[in-house]
Amino acid sequence: MLPIHNALAKRILILDGAMGTMLQRHNFTEEDFRGERFKDFPHPLKGNNDLLSLTQPEAIKDVHRQYFAAGADIVETNTFSGTTIGMADYHMEDLVYELNYESARLAREVADEFTAANPDKPRFVAGSIGPTNRTASMSPDVNDPGYRAVTFDDLRIAYKEQVNALIDGGSDILLVETIFDTLNAKAALFAIEEVKDERNLDIPIMVSGTITDASGRTLSGQTVEAFLISISHIPLLSVGFNCALGADQLKPYLRRLAHNTQFSVSAHPNAGLPNAFGQYDQTPEEMQALIREYLDDNLINIIGGCCGTTPEHIKLIADVAAEYEPRRLLVVG
């Protein structure tokens, strides 16, 4: 068994919180995003958080350290937009391999620091694979429903480059996350399986979808059960949900997921819903109380936070999770 499987069998694992929320505290300027290396780059770069792994690496490592210190077992690499498709917005497609490799290397370095300090609690790196800003299932043009801005093959090729770099940089796990279109996710999973075959290796895969609103569906229209069926042909470390909703709103969908799968279940909800200014007001104490309900109902094996969550949130989540046994995997008949 891989170390991550051993850890999952012993306890509920803690995923980190939001990277973007933490980076916003720095109020990085355009010049900070550019650094010395990209000071003359001909296009604006502010907002390209993945680039900070190259231009502000100490800030990225500090975020990872804060989450590990708060009790996280797993941190995500700073690679949410790390495909040629995502980087096209910044004209940085040529940097994709380096961005993913360096992001994984930084997280690996910090994880190894914490594991060395406490070998009884190994720390893990999850290579973050975001959904891209295009969808393979829907048209962006209301006047042309059959049009697609991206093809399955475009996605597969883009994801494959990202996956190879994340593995080379030292990721223990690959996390296909914030899935709003399952066809995009299937392209990512196909790419991962290709890489595993070509490199003759096995790497655990986490899959995390997004329920976008009270309809209980993903953006591309799938219910919880349909989403689960669509990705269950792959042997997954875990399946779960993140983003879009707070812990309270996410709970009914998480329950449906947990009652229909033998995979481990993960969740990293937002710190509530955003206010009128786009800020997240839910306190660590409020979120902890909601996560306790997940634990009381035997819903999760891996728990963390998404938008608006901080090390303070993760510490209280870790504290309450330590009181519970891991979710028992159900026999689904």
C-alpha atoms as a PDB file:
ATOM      1  CA  MET A   1       0.000   0.000   0.000  1.00  0.00           C
ATOM      2  CA  LEU A   2       1.103   3.538  -0.721  1.00  0.00           C
ATOM      3  CA  PRO A   3       1.718   5.773   2.320  1.00  0.00           C
ATOM      4  CA  ILE A   4      -1.366   7.855   1.532  1.00  0.00           C
ATOM      5  CA  HIS A   5      -3.544   4.722   1.695  1.00  0.00           C
ATOM      6  CA  ASN A   6      -2.062   3.811   5.065  1.00  0.00           C
ATOM      7  CA  ALA A   7      -2.750   7.303   6.382  1.00  0.00           C
ATOM      8  CA  LEU A   8      -6.340   7.226   5.083  1.00  0.00           C
ATOM      9  CA  ALA A   9      -6.970   3.944   6.860  1.00  0.00           C
ATOM     10  CA  LYS A  10      -5.863   5.427  10.191  1.00  0.00           C
ATOM     11  CA  ARG A  11      -7.474   8.858  10.317  1.00  0.00           C
ATOM     12  CA  ILE A  12      -9.444  11.545   8.562  1.00  0.00           C
ATOM     13  CA  LEU A  13      -6.937  13.443   6.453  1.00  0.00           C
ATOM     14  CA  ILE A  14      -6.809  17.231   6.379  1.00  0.00           C
ATOM     15  CA  LEU A  15      -6.470  19.088   3.100  1.00  0.00           C
ATOM     16  CA  ASP A  16      -5.226  22.669   3.062  1.00  0.00           C
ATOM     17  CA  GLY A  17      -7.300  25.819   2.545  1.00  0.00           C
ATOM     18  CA  ALA A  18      -7.362  28.524  -0.093  1.00  0.00           C
ATOM     19  CA  MET A  19      -4.152  29.555  -1.833  1.00  0.00           C
ATOM     20  CA  GLY A  20      -5.670  32.647  -3.465  1.00  0.00           C
ATOM     21  CA  THR A  21      -7.095  33.953  -0.196  1.00  0.00           C
ATOM     22  CA  MET A  22      -3.658  33.773   1.393  1.00  0.00           C
ATOM     23  CA  LEU A  23      -1.864  35.377  -1.559  1.00  0.00           C
ATOM     24  CA  GLN A  24      -4.316  38.284  -1.569  1.00  0.00           C
ATOM     25  CA  ARG A  25      -2.988  39.258   1.872  1.00  0.00           C
ATOM     26  CA  HIS A  26       0.284  40.249   0.207  1.00  0.00           C
ATOM     27  CA  ASN A  27      -1.377  42.793  -2.098  1.00  0.00           C
ATOM     28  CA  PHE A  28       1.125  41.909  -4.806  1.00  0.00           C
ATOM     29  CA  THR A  29       1.560  44.562  -7.490  1.00  0.00           C
ATOM     30  CA  GLU A  30       2.130  44.084 -11.205  1.00  0.00           C
ATOM     31  CA  GLU A  31       5.858  44.455 -10.492  1.00  0.00           C
ATOM     32  CA  ASP A  32       5.699  41.743  -7.820  1.00  0.00           C
ATOM     33  CA  PHE A  33       4.052  39.338 -10.249  1.00  0.00           C
ATOM     34  CA  ARG A  34       6.697  40.104 -12.866  1.00  0.00           C
ATOM     35  CA  GLY A  35       9.759  39.876 -10.665  1.00  0.00           C
ATOM     36  CA  GLU A  36      13.111  40.508 -12.283  1.00  0.00           C
ATOM     37  CA  ARG A  37      12.743  37.722 -14.832  1.00  0.00           C
ATOM     38  CA  PHE A  38       9.550  39.040 -16.455  1.00  0.00           C
ATOM     39  CA  LYS A  39       9.995  42.777 -15.887  1.00  0.00           C
ATOM     40  CA  ASP A  40       9.896  43.460 -19.646  1.00  0.00           C
ATOM     41  CA  PHE A  41       7.194  40.933 -20.554  1.00  0.00           C
ATOM     42  CA  PRO A  42       4.892  42.667 -23.092  1.00  0.00           C
ATOM     43  CA  HIS A  43       1.566  41.652 -21.479  1.00  0.00           C
ATOM     44  CA  PRO A  44      -0.018  42.307 -18.055  1.00  0.00           C
ATOM     45  CA  LEU A  45       0.695  39.566 -15.518  1.00  0.00           C
ATOM     46  CA  LYS A  46      -1.077  40.685 -12.354  1.00  0.00           C
ATOM     47  CA  GLY A  47      -3.574  38.026 -11.313  1.00  0.00           C
ATOM     48  CA  ASN A  48      -1.566  35.104 -12.659  1.00  0.00           C
ATOM     49  CA  ASN A  49      -1.186  33.398  -9.279  1.00  0.00           C
ATOM     50  CA  ASP A  50       0.530  30.341 -10.765  1.00  0.00           C
ATOM     51  CA  LEU A  51       3.364  32.596 -11.943  1.00  0.00           C
ATOM     52  CA  LEU A  52       4.152  33.498  -8.325  1.00  0.00           C
ATOM     53  CA  SER A  53       5.769  30.062  -7.962  1.00  0.00           C
ATOM     54  CA  LEU A  54       8.543  31.494 -10.156  1.00  0.00           C
ATOM     55  CA  THR A  55       8.588  35.138  -9.095  1.00  0.00           C
ATOM     56  CA  GLN A  56       7.606  34.926  -5.395  1.00  0.00           C
ATOM     57  CA  PRO A  57       8.534  31.355  -4.390  1.00  0.00           C
ATOM     58  CA  GLU A  58       9.057  32.195  -0.708  1.00  0.00           C
ATOM     59  CA  ALA A  59       5.481  33.496  -0.473  1.00  0.00           C
ATOM     60  CA  ILE A  60       4.191  30.210  -1.917  1.00  0.00           C
ATOM     61  CA  LYS A  61       6.307  28.141   0.464  1.00  0.00           C
ATOM     62  CA  ASP A  62       5.099  30.250   3.379  1.00  0.00           C
ATOM     63  CA  VAL A  63       1.459  29.478   2.515  1.00  0.00           C
ATOM     64  CA  HIS A  64       2.248  25.751   2.440  1.00  0.00           C
ATOM     65  CA  ARG A  65       4.081  26.021   5.774  1.00  0.00           C
ATOM     66  CA  GLN A  66       1.166  27.804   7.413  1.00  0.00           C
ATOM     67  CA  TYR A  67      -1.279  25.117   6.316  1.00  0.00           C
ATOM     68  CA  PHE A  68       0.970  22.261   7.432  1.00  0.00           C
ATOM     69  CA  ALA A  69       1.519  24.008  10.762  1.00  0.00           C
ATOM     70  CA  ALA A  70      -2.270  24.292  11.113  1.00  0.00           C
ATOM     71  CA  GLY A  71      -2.587  20.514  10.801  1.00  0.00           C
ATOM     72  CA  ALA A  72      -2.909  19.804   7.089  1.00  0.00           C
ATOM     73  CA  ASP A  73      -1.800  16.383   5.876  1.00  0.00           C
ATOM     74  CA  ILE A  74      -2.047  17.391   2.208  1.00  0.00           C
ATOM     75  CA  VAL A  75      -1.259  20.677   0.483  1.00  0.00           C
ATOM     76  CA  GLU A  76      -2.214  21.496  -3.085  1.00  0.00           C
ATOM     77  CA  THR A  77       0.309  22.812  -5.577  1.00  0.00           C
ATOM     78  CA  ASN A  78      -0.104  26.369  -6.844  1.00  0.00           C
ATOM     79  CA  THR A  79      -1.150  25.150 -10.300  1.00  0.00           C
ATOM     80  CA  PHE A  80      -4.911  25.640 -10.563  1.00  0.00           C
ATOM     81  CA  SER A  81      -4.578  27.347 -13.974  1.00  0.00           C
ATOM     82  CA  GLY A  82      -1.434  25.516 -15.015  1.00  0.00           C
ATOM     83  CA  THR A  83      -2.349  24.354 -18.514  1.00  0.00           C
ATOM     84  CA  THR A  84      -1.584  25.872 -21.908  1.00  0.00           C
ATOM     85  CA  ILE A  85      -5.311  26.649 -22.112  1.00  0.00           C
ATOM     86  CA  GLY A  86      -5.307  28.566 -18.835  1.00  0.00           C
ATOM     87  CA  MET A  87      -1.980  30.275 -19.466  1.00  0.00           C
ATOM     88  CA  ALA A  88      -3.075  31.488 -22.907  1.00  0.00           C
ATOM     89  CA  ASP A  89      -4.790  34.399 -21.129  1.00  0.00           C
ATOM     90  CA  TYR A  90      -1.341  35.622 -20.102  1.00  0.00           C
ATOM     91  CA  HIS A  91       0.541  34.549 -23.256  1.00  0.00           C
ATOM     92  CA  MET A  92       2.605  32.165 -21.140  1.00  0.00           C
ATOM     93  CA  GLU A  93       1.830  28.798 -22.704  1.00  0.00           C
ATOM     94  CA  ASP A  94       5.557  28.055 -23.084  1.00  0.00           C
ATOM     95  CA  LEU A  95       6.028  28.210 -19.302  1.00  0.00           C
ATOM     96  CA  VAL A  96       3.506  25.507 -18.399  1.00  0.00           C
ATOM     97  CA  TYR A  97       5.966  22.700 -17.684  1.00  0.00           C
ATOM     98  CA  GLU A  98       8.210  24.938 -15.564  1.00  0.00           C
ATOM     99  CA  LEU A  99       5.287  26.439 -13.636  1.00  0.00           C
ATOM    100  CA  ASN A 100       3.943  23.033 -12.672  1.00  0.00           C
ATOM    101  CA  TYR A 101       7.345  21.516 -11.955  1.00  0.00           C
ATOM    102  CA  GLU A 102       8.435  24.401  -9.722  1.00  0.00           C
ATOM    103  CA  SER A 103       5.087  24.576  -7.922  1.00  0.00           C
ATOM    104  CA  ALA A 104       5.266  20.875  -7.115  1.00  0.00           C
ATOM    105  CA  ARG A 105       8.916  21.157  -6.095  1.00  0.00           C
ATOM    106  CA  LEU A 106       8.170  23.999  -3.653  1.00  0.00           C
ATOM    107  CA  ALA A 107       5.322  22.073  -2.042  1.00  0.00           C
ATOM    108  CA  ARG A 108       7.451  18.908  -1.901  1.00  0.00           C
ATOM    109  CA  GLU A 109      10.269  20.770  -0.173  1.00  0.00           C
ATOM    110  CA  VAL A 110       7.958  22.070   2.560  1.00  0.00           C
ATOM    111  CA  ALA A 111       6.154  18.719   2.927  1.00  0.00           C
ATOM    112  CA  ASP A 112       9.489  16.977   3.420  1.00  0.00           C
ATOM    113  CA  GLU A 113      10.463  19.526   6.102  1.00  0.00           C
ATOM    114  CA  PHE A 114       7.356  18.699   8.115  1.00  0.00           C
ATOM    115  CA  THR A 115       7.621  14.944   7.579  1.00  0.00           C
ATOM    116  CA  ALA A 116      11.241  15.011   8.757  1.00  0.00           C
ATOM    117  CA  ALA A 117      10.197  16.895  11.888  1.00  0.00           C
ATOM    118  CA  ASN A 118       7.400  14.375  12.625  1.00  0.00           C
ATOM    119  CA  PRO A 119       7.870  11.087  10.746  1.00  0.00           C
ATOM    120  CA  ASP A 120       4.740   9.646  12.393  1.00  0.00           C
ATOM    121  CA  LYS A 121       2.662  12.131  10.414  1.00  0.00           C
ATOM    122  CA  PRO A 122       3.813  12.049   6.787  1.00  0.00           C
ATOM    123  CA  ARG A 123       2.791  15.071   4.706  1.00  0.00           C
ATOM    124  CA  PHE A 124       1.649  14.822   1.110  1.00  0.00           C
ATOM    125  CA  VAL A 125       1.591  16.977  -2.025  1.00  0.00           C
ATOM    126  CA  ALA A 126      -1.477  17.008  -4.263  1.00  0.00           C
ATOM    127  CA  GLY A 127      -0.866  18.265  -7.779  1.00  0.00           C
ATOM    128  CA  SER A 128      -3.777  20.653  -8.392  1.00  0.00           C
ATOM    129  CA  ILE A 129      -5.398  20.254 -11.810  1.00  0.00           C
ATOM    130  CA  GLY A 130      -8.085  22.877 -12.417  1.00  0.00           C
ATOM    131  CA  PRO A 131     -10.962  22.766 -14.902  1.00  0.00           C
ATOM    132  CA  THR A 132      -9.549  25.362 -17.382  1.00  0.00           C
ATOM    133  CA  ASN A 133     -11.655  28.324 -18.465  1.00  0.00           C
ATOM    134  CA  ARG A 134     -13.301  26.446 -21.326  1.00  0.00           C
ATOM    135  CA  THR A 135     -15.955  23.752 -21.399  1.00  0.00           C
ATOM    136  CA  ALA A 136     -16.123  20.762 -23.722  1.00  0.00           C
ATOM    137  CA  SER A 137     -19.831  20.116 -23.092  1.00  0.00           C
ATOM    138  CA  MET A 138     -21.380  23.511 -23.749  1.00  0.00           C
ATOM    139  CA  SER A 139     -21.177  26.310 -26.264  1.00  0.00           C
ATOM    140  CA  PRO A 140     -20.008  29.756 -25.144  1.00  0.00           C
ATOM    141  CA  ASP A 141     -22.122  31.204 -27.978  1.00  0.00           C
ATOM    142  CA  VAL A 142     -25.872  31.249 -27.281  1.00  0.00           C
ATOM    143  CA  ASN A 143     -26.495  31.679 -31.000  1.00  0.00           C
ATOM    144  CA  ASP A 144     -24.557  28.529 -31.890  1.00  0.00           C
ATOM    145  CA  PRO A 145     -25.333  25.714 -29.421  1.00  0.00           C
ATOM    146  CA  GLY A 146     -23.213  23.206 -31.314  1.00  0.00           C
ATOM    147  CA  TYR A 147     -20.036  25.273 -31.120  1.00  0.00           C
ATOM    148  CA  ARG A 148     -17.262  24.250 -28.707  1.00  0.00           C
ATOM    149  CA  ALA A 149     -14.356  26.474 -27.658  1.00  0.00           C
ATOM    150  CA  VAL A 150     -12.236  23.412 -26.882  1.00  0.00           C
ATOM    151  CA  THR A 151     -12.115  19.751 -27.900  1.00  0.00           C
ATOM    152  CA  PHE A 152     -11.518  16.650 -25.810  1.00  0.00           C
ATOM    153  CA  ASP A 153      -8.154  16.218 -27.534  1.00  0.00           C
ATOM    154  CA  ASP A 154      -7.143  19.829 -26.831  1.00  0.00           C
ATOM    155  CA  LEU A 155      -7.829  19.198 -23.154  1.00  0.00           C
ATOM    156  CA  ARG A 156      -6.120  15.810 -23.097  1.00  0.00           C
ATOM    157  CA  ILE A 157      -2.920  17.215 -24.603  1.00  0.00           C
ATOM    158  CA  ALA A 158      -2.905  20.220 -22.258  1.00  0.00           C
ATOM    159  CA  TYR A 159      -3.548  18.110 -19.169  1.00  0.00           C
ATOM    160  CA  LYS A 160      -0.888  15.588 -20.151  1.00  0.00           C
ATOM    161  CA  GLU A 161       1.829  18.251 -20.106  1.00  0.00           C
ATOM    162  CA  GLN A 162       0.634  19.442 -16.705  1.00  0.00           C
ATOM    163  CA  VAL A 163       0.472  15.928 -15.260  1.00  0.00           C
ATOM    164  CA  ASN A 164       4.004  15.016 -16.354  1.00  0.00           C
ATOM    165  CA  ALA A 165       5.389  18.185 -14.764  1.00  0.00           C
ATOM    166  CA  LEU A 166       3.461  17.709 -11.513  1.00  0.00           C
ATOM    167  CA  ILE A 167       4.807  14.171 -11.189  1.00  0.00           C
ATOM    168  CA  ASP A 168       8.359  15.229 -12.072  1.00  0.00           C
ATOM    169  CA  GLY A 169       8.176  17.965  -9.428  1.00  0.00           C
ATOM    170  CA  GLY A 170       7.322  15.494  -6.679  1.00  0.00           C
ATOM    171  CA  SER A 171       3.522  15.256  -6.334  1.00  0.00           C
ATOM    172  CA  ASP A 172       2.237  12.266  -4.355  1.00  0.00           C
ATOM    173  CA  ILE A 173      -1.350  12.627  -5.579  1.00  0.00           C
ATOM    174  CA  LEU A 174      -3.099  14.202  -8.564  1.00  0.00           C
ATOM    175  CA  LEU A 175      -6.197  16.242  -7.688  1.00  0.00           C
ATOM    176  CA  VAL A 176      -8.609  16.923 -10.549  1.00  0.00           C
ATOM    177  CA  GLU A 177     -10.667  19.625  -8.874  1.00  0.00           C
ATOM    178  CA  THR A 178     -13.441  22.186  -9.152  1.00  0.00           C
ATOM    179  CA  ILE A 179     -15.026  20.183 -11.952  1.00  0.00           C
ATOM    180  CA  PHE A 180     -17.931  22.043 -13.547  1.00  0.00           C
ATOM    181  CA  ASP A 181     -17.874  19.972 -16.752  1.00  0.00           C
ATOM    182  CA  THR A 182     -17.303  16.248 -16.346  1.00  0.00           C
ATOM    183  CA  LEU A 183     -16.127  15.933 -19.942  1.00  0.00           C
ATOM    184  CA  ASN A 184     -13.186  18.193 -19.089  1.00  0.00           C
ATOM    185  CA  ALA A 185     -12.475  15.970 -16.090  1.00  0.00           C
ATOM    186  CA  LYS A 186     -12.642  12.838 -18.228  1.00  0.00           C
ATOM    187  CA  ALA A 187     -10.022  14.373 -20.519  1.00  0.00           C
ATOM    188  CA  ALA A 188      -7.808  14.979 -17.480  1.00  0.00           C
ATOM    189  CA  LEU A 189      -8.338  11.425 -16.244  1.00  0.00           C
ATOM    190  CA  PHE A 190      -7.599  10.037 -19.712  1.00  0.00           C
ATOM    191  CA  ALA A 191      -4.369  12.043 -19.792  1.00  0.00           C
ATOM    192  CA  ILE A 192      -3.400  10.766 -16.337  1.00  0.00           C
ATOM    193  CA  GLU A 193      -4.001   7.157 -17.377  1.00  0.00           C
ATOM    194  CA  GLU A 194      -1.871   7.713 -20.492  1.00  0.00           C
ATOM    195  CA  VAL A 195       0.980   9.108 -18.394  1.00  0.00           C
ATOM    196  CA  LYS A 196       0.694   6.248 -15.898  1.00  0.00           C
ATOM    197  CA  ASP A 197       0.933   3.703 -18.728  1.00  0.00           C
ATOM    198  CA  GLU A 198       3.826   5.452 -20.458  1.00  0.00           C
ATOM    199  CA  ARG A 199       5.823   5.866 -17.252  1.00  0.00           C
ATOM    200  CA  ASN A 200       4.796   2.543 -15.742  1.00  0.00           C
ATOM    201  CA  LEU A 201       3.819   4.124 -12.462  1.00  0.00           C
ATOM    202  CA  ASP A 202       0.791   4.333 -10.252  1.00  0.00           C
ATOM    203  CA  ILE A 203      -0.190   7.609  -8.631  1.00  0.00           C
ATOM    204  CA  PRO A 204      -3.345   8.109  -6.550  1.00  0.00           C
ATOM    205  CA  ILE A 205      -6.046  10.312  -8.071  1.00  0.00           C
ATOM    206  CA  MET A 206      -8.517  12.533  -6.234  1.00  0.00           C
ATOM    207  CA  VAL A 207     -11.529  13.884  -8.121  1.00  0.00           C
ATOM    208  CA  SER A 208     -13.546  16.822  -6.803  1.00  0.00           C
ATOM    209  CA  GLY A 209     -16.583  18.245  -8.566  1.00  0.00           C
ATOM    210  CA  THR A 210     -18.482  21.477  -8.053  1.00  0.00           C
ATOM    211  CA  ILE A 211     -22.208  21.792  -7.432  1.00  0.00           C
ATOM    212  CA  THR A 212     -22.828  25.267  -8.765  1.00  0.00           C
ATOM    213  CA  ASP A 213     -26.178  26.208  -7.206  1.00  0.00           C
ATOM    214  CA  ALA A 214     -29.317  24.993  -5.437  1.00  0.00           C
ATOM    215  CA  SER A 215     -30.257  22.865  -8.458  1.00  0.00           C
ATOM    216  CA  GLY A 216     -27.801  20.303  -7.093  1.00  0.00           C
ATOM    217  CA  ARG A 217     -26.106  19.956 -10.464  1.00  0.00           C
ATOM    218  CA  THR A 218     -22.747  20.738 -12.003  1.00  0.00           C
ATOM    219  CA  LEU A 219     -22.617  23.616 -14.496  1.00  0.00           C
ATOM    220  CA  SER A 220     -22.890  21.134 -17.370  1.00  0.00           C
ATOM    221  CA  GLY A 221     -26.086  19.751 -15.849  1.00  0.00           C
ATOM    222  CA  GLN A 222     -25.134  16.525 -14.090  1.00  0.00           C
ATOM    223  CA  THR A 223     -26.669  15.407 -10.826  1.00  0.00           C
ATOM    224  CA  VAL A 224     -24.495  14.054  -8.023  1.00  0.00           C
ATOM    225  CA  GLU A 225     -25.214  10.471  -9.055  1.00  0.00           C
ATOM    226  CA  ALA A 226     -24.573  11.104 -12.753  1.00  0.00           C
ATOM    227  CA  PHE A 227     -21.261  12.798 -11.959  1.00  0.00           C
ATOM    228  CA  LEU A 228     -20.223   9.868  -9.778  1.00  0.00           C
ATOM    229  CA  ILE A 229     -21.110   7.286 -12.429  1.00  0.00           C
ATOM    230  CA  SER A 230     -19.230   9.265 -15.092  1.00  0.00           C
ATOM    231  CA  ILE A 231     -15.893   9.064 -13.303  1.00  0.00           C
ATOM    232  CA  SER A 232     -16.162   5.778 -11.362  1.00  0.00           C
ATOM    233  CA  HIS A 233     -14.518   3.702 -14.105  1.00  0.00           C
ATOM    234  CA  ILE A 234     -11.167   5.014 -12.849  1.00  0.00           C
ATOM    235  CA  PRO A 235      -9.757   3.546  -9.605  1.00  0.00           C
ATOM    236  CA  LEU A 236      -9.797   6.703  -7.486  1.00  0.00           C
ATOM    237  CA  LEU A 237      -8.282   7.514  -4.128  1.00  0.00           C
ATOM    238  CA  SER A 238     -11.298   9.725  -3.414  1.00  0.00           C
ATOM    239  CA  VAL A 239     -14.239  11.492  -4.954  1.00  0.00           C
ATOM    240  CA  GLY A 240     -15.794  14.625  -3.524  1.00  0.00           C
ATOM    241  CA  PHE A 241     -16.936  18.210  -3.931  1.00  0.00           C
ATOM    242  CA  ASN A 242     -15.365  21.624  -3.462  1.00  0.00           C
ATOM    243  CA  CYS A 243     -15.956  25.322  -4.080  1.00  0.00           C
ATOM    244  CA  ALA A 244     -19.160  27.190  -5.099  1.00  0.00           C
ATOM    245  CA  LEU A 245     -20.995  26.366  -1.862  1.00  0.00           C
ATOM    246  CA  GLY A 246     -20.310  26.651   1.845  1.00  0.00           C
ATOM    247  CA  ALA A 247     -20.237  23.609   4.111  1.00  0.00           C
ATOM    248  CA  ASP A 248     -23.895  23.998   5.051  1.00  0.00           C
ATOM    249  CA  GLN A 249     -25.186  24.176   1.469  1.00  0.00           C
ATOM    250  CA  LEU A 250     -22.873  21.373   0.324  1.00  0.00           C
ATOM    251  CA  LYS A 251     -23.941  18.836   2.941  1.00  0.00           C
ATOM    252  CA  PRO A 252     -27.000  17.274   1.206  1.00  0.00           C
ATOM    253  CA  TYR A 253     -25.007  16.643  -1.970  1.00  0.00           C
ATOM    254  CA  LEU A 254     -22.098  15.228  -0.021  1.00  0.00           C
ATOM    255  CA  ARG A 255     -24.495  12.872   1.742  1.00  0.00           C
ATOM    256  CA  ARG A 256     -25.826  11.598  -1.578  1.00  0.00           C
ATOM    257  CA  LEU A 257     -22.294  11.053  -2.793  1.00  0.00           C
ATOM    258  CA  ALA A 258     -21.155   9.260   0.365  1.00  0.00           C
ATOM    259  CA  HIS A 259     -24.135   6.907   0.294  1.00  0.00           C
ATOM    260  CA  ASN A 260     -23.461   5.834  -3.283  1.00  0.00           C
ATOM    261  CA  THR A 261     -19.739   5.189  -3.483  1.00  0.00           C
ATOM    262  CA  GLN A 262     -17.109   2.844  -2.116  1.00  0.00           C
ATOM    263  CA  PHE A 263     -14.402   5.403  -2.802  1.00  0.00           C
ATOM    264  CA  SER A 264     -13.141   7.589   0.009  1.00  0.00           C
ATOM    265  CA  VAL A 265     -15.003  10.903   0.077  1.00  0.00           C
ATOM    266  CA  SER A 266     -13.413  14.353   0.185  1.00  0.00           C
ATOM    267  CA  ALA A 267     -14.806  17.839   0.695  1.00  0.00           C
ATOM    268  CA  HIS A 268     -13.273  21.276   0.690  1.00  0.00           C
ATOM    269  CA  PRO A 269     -16.137  23.786   0.812  1.00  0.00           C
ATOM    270  CA  ASN A 270     -15.907  27.562   0.799  1.00  0.00           C
ATOM    271  CA  ALA A 271     -16.052  29.596   3.989  1.00  0.00           C
ATOM    272  CA  GLY A 272     -19.764  30.145   3.471  1.00  0.00           C
ATOM    273  CA  LEU A 273     -21.186  32.146   0.579  1.00  0.00           C
ATOM    274  CA  PRO A 274     -19.600  35.421  -0.561  1.00  0.00           C
ATOM    275  CA  ASN A 275     -21.068  38.709   0.636  1.00  0.00           C
ATOM    276  CA  ALA A 276     -22.004  41.638  -1.619  1.00  0.00           C
ATOM    277  CA  PHE A 277     -18.320  42.525  -1.946  1.00  0.00           C
ATOM    278  CA  GLY A 278     -17.214  39.006  -2.846  1.00  0.00           C
ATOM    279  CA  GLN A 279     -15.663  38.415   0.575  1.00  0.00           C
ATOM    280  CA  TYR A 280     -16.157  35.320   2.734  1.00  0.00           C
ATOM    281  CA  ASP A 281     -17.327  36.082   6.245  1.00  0.00           C
ATOM    282  CA  GLN A 282     -17.703  32.635   7.811  1.00  0.00           C
ATOM    283  CA  THR A 283     -15.490  32.364  10.874  1.00  0.00           C
ATOM    284  CA  PRO A 284     -13.309  29.340  11.629  1.00  0.00           C
ATOM    285  CA  GLU A 285     -15.598  28.530  14.572  1.00  0.00           C
ATOM    286  CA  GLU A 286     -18.728  28.611  12.405  1.00  0.00           C
ATOM    287  CA  MET A 287     -17.143  26.410   9.771  1.00  0.00           C
ATOM    288  CA  GLN A 288     -15.872  23.967  12.404  1.00  0.00           C
ATOM    289  CA  ALA A 289     -19.414  23.480  13.714  1.00  0.00           C
ATOM    290  CA  LEU A 290     -20.685  22.671  10.225  1.00  0.00           C
ATOM    291  CA  ILE A 291     -17.830  20.239   9.545  1.00  0.00           C
ATOM    292  CA  ARG A 292     -18.677  18.473  12.810  1.00  0.00           C
ATOM    293  CA  GLU A 293     -22.046  17.633  11.248  1.00  0.00           C
ATOM    294  CA  TYR A 294     -20.216  15.927   8.349  1.00  0.00           C
ATOM    295  CA  LEU A 295     -18.257  13.895  10.871  1.00  0.00           C
ATOM    296  CA  ASP A 296     -21.296  12.995  12.954  1.00  0.00           C
ATOM    297  CA  ASP A 297     -22.958  11.678   9.800  1.00  0.00           C
ATOM    298  CA  ASN A 298     -19.926   9.606   8.683  1.00  0.00           C
ATOM    299  CA  LEU A 299     -19.614  11.457   5.366  1.00  0.00           C
ATOM    300  CA  ILE A 300     -15.916  12.161   4.818  1.00  0.00           C
ATOM    301  CA  ASN A 301     -12.396  10.761   4.725  1.00  0.00           C
ATOM    302  CA  ILE A 302     -10.601  13.934   3.578  1.00  0.00           C
ATOM    303  CA  ILE A 303     -11.651  17.437   4.621  1.00  0.00           C
ATOM    304  CA  GLY A 304     -10.272  20.901   3.908  1.00  0.00           C
ATOM    305  CA  GLY A 305     -11.313  24.315   2.697  1.00  0.00           C
ATOM    306  CA  CYS A 306     -11.694  26.241  -0.542  1.00  0.00           C
ATOM    307  CA  CYS A 307     -12.355  29.957  -1.189  1.00  0.00           C
ATOM    308  CA  GLY A 308     -12.117  32.174   1.861  1.00  0.00           C
ATOM    309  CA  THR A 309     -10.536  29.567   4.125  1.00  0.00           C
ATOM    310  CA  THR A 310      -7.285  30.260   5.968  1.00  0.00           C
ATOM    311  CA  PRO A 311      -4.908  28.384   8.291  1.00  0.00           C
ATOM    312  CA  GLU A 312      -7.191  29.448  11.151  1.00  0.00           C
ATOM    313  CA  HIS A 313     -10.092  27.587   9.509  1.00  0.00           C
ATOM    314  CA  ILE A 314      -7.944  24.538   8.791  1.00  0.00           C
ATOM    315  CA  LYS A 315      -6.651  24.364  12.373  1.00  0.00           C
ATOM    316  CA  LEU A 316     -10.156  24.181  13.832  1.00  0.00           C
ATOM    317  CA  ILE A 317     -11.235  21.685  11.163  1.00  0.00           C
ATOM    318  CA  ALA A 318      -8.195  19.539  11.992  1.00  0.00           C
ATOM    319  CA  ASP A 319      -8.977  19.773  15.704  1.00  0.00           C
ATOM    320  CA  VAL A 320     -12.527  18.497  15.293  1.00  0.00           C
ATOM    321  CA  ALA A 321     -11.597  15.823  12.735  1.00  0.00           C
ATOM    322  CA  ALA A 322      -9.104  14.355  15.207  1.00  0.00           C
ATOM    323  CA  GLU A 323     -12.031  13.416  17.450  1.00  0.00           C
ATOM    324  CA  TYR A 324     -13.525  11.071  14.833  1.00  0.00           C
ATOM    325  CA  GLU A 325     -12.714   7.827  13.058  1.00  0.00           C
ATOM    326  CA  PRO A 326     -12.449   7.853   9.243  1.00  0.00           C
ATOM    327  CA  ARG A 327     -15.653   7.329   7.288  1.00  0.00           C
ATOM    328  CA  ARG A 328     -16.514   3.667   6.956  1.00  0.00           C
ATOM    329  CA  LEU A 329     -16.645   2.633   3.318  1.00  0.00           C
ATOM    330  CA  LEU A 330     -20.113   1.354   2.505  1.00  0.00           C
ATOM    331  CA  VAL A 331     -20.922  -1.720   0.486  1.00  0.00           C
ATOM    332  CA  VAL A 332     -23.022  -0.342  -2.326  1.00  0.00           C
ATOM    333  CA  GLY A 333     -25.573  -2.832  -3.597  1.00  0.00           C
END
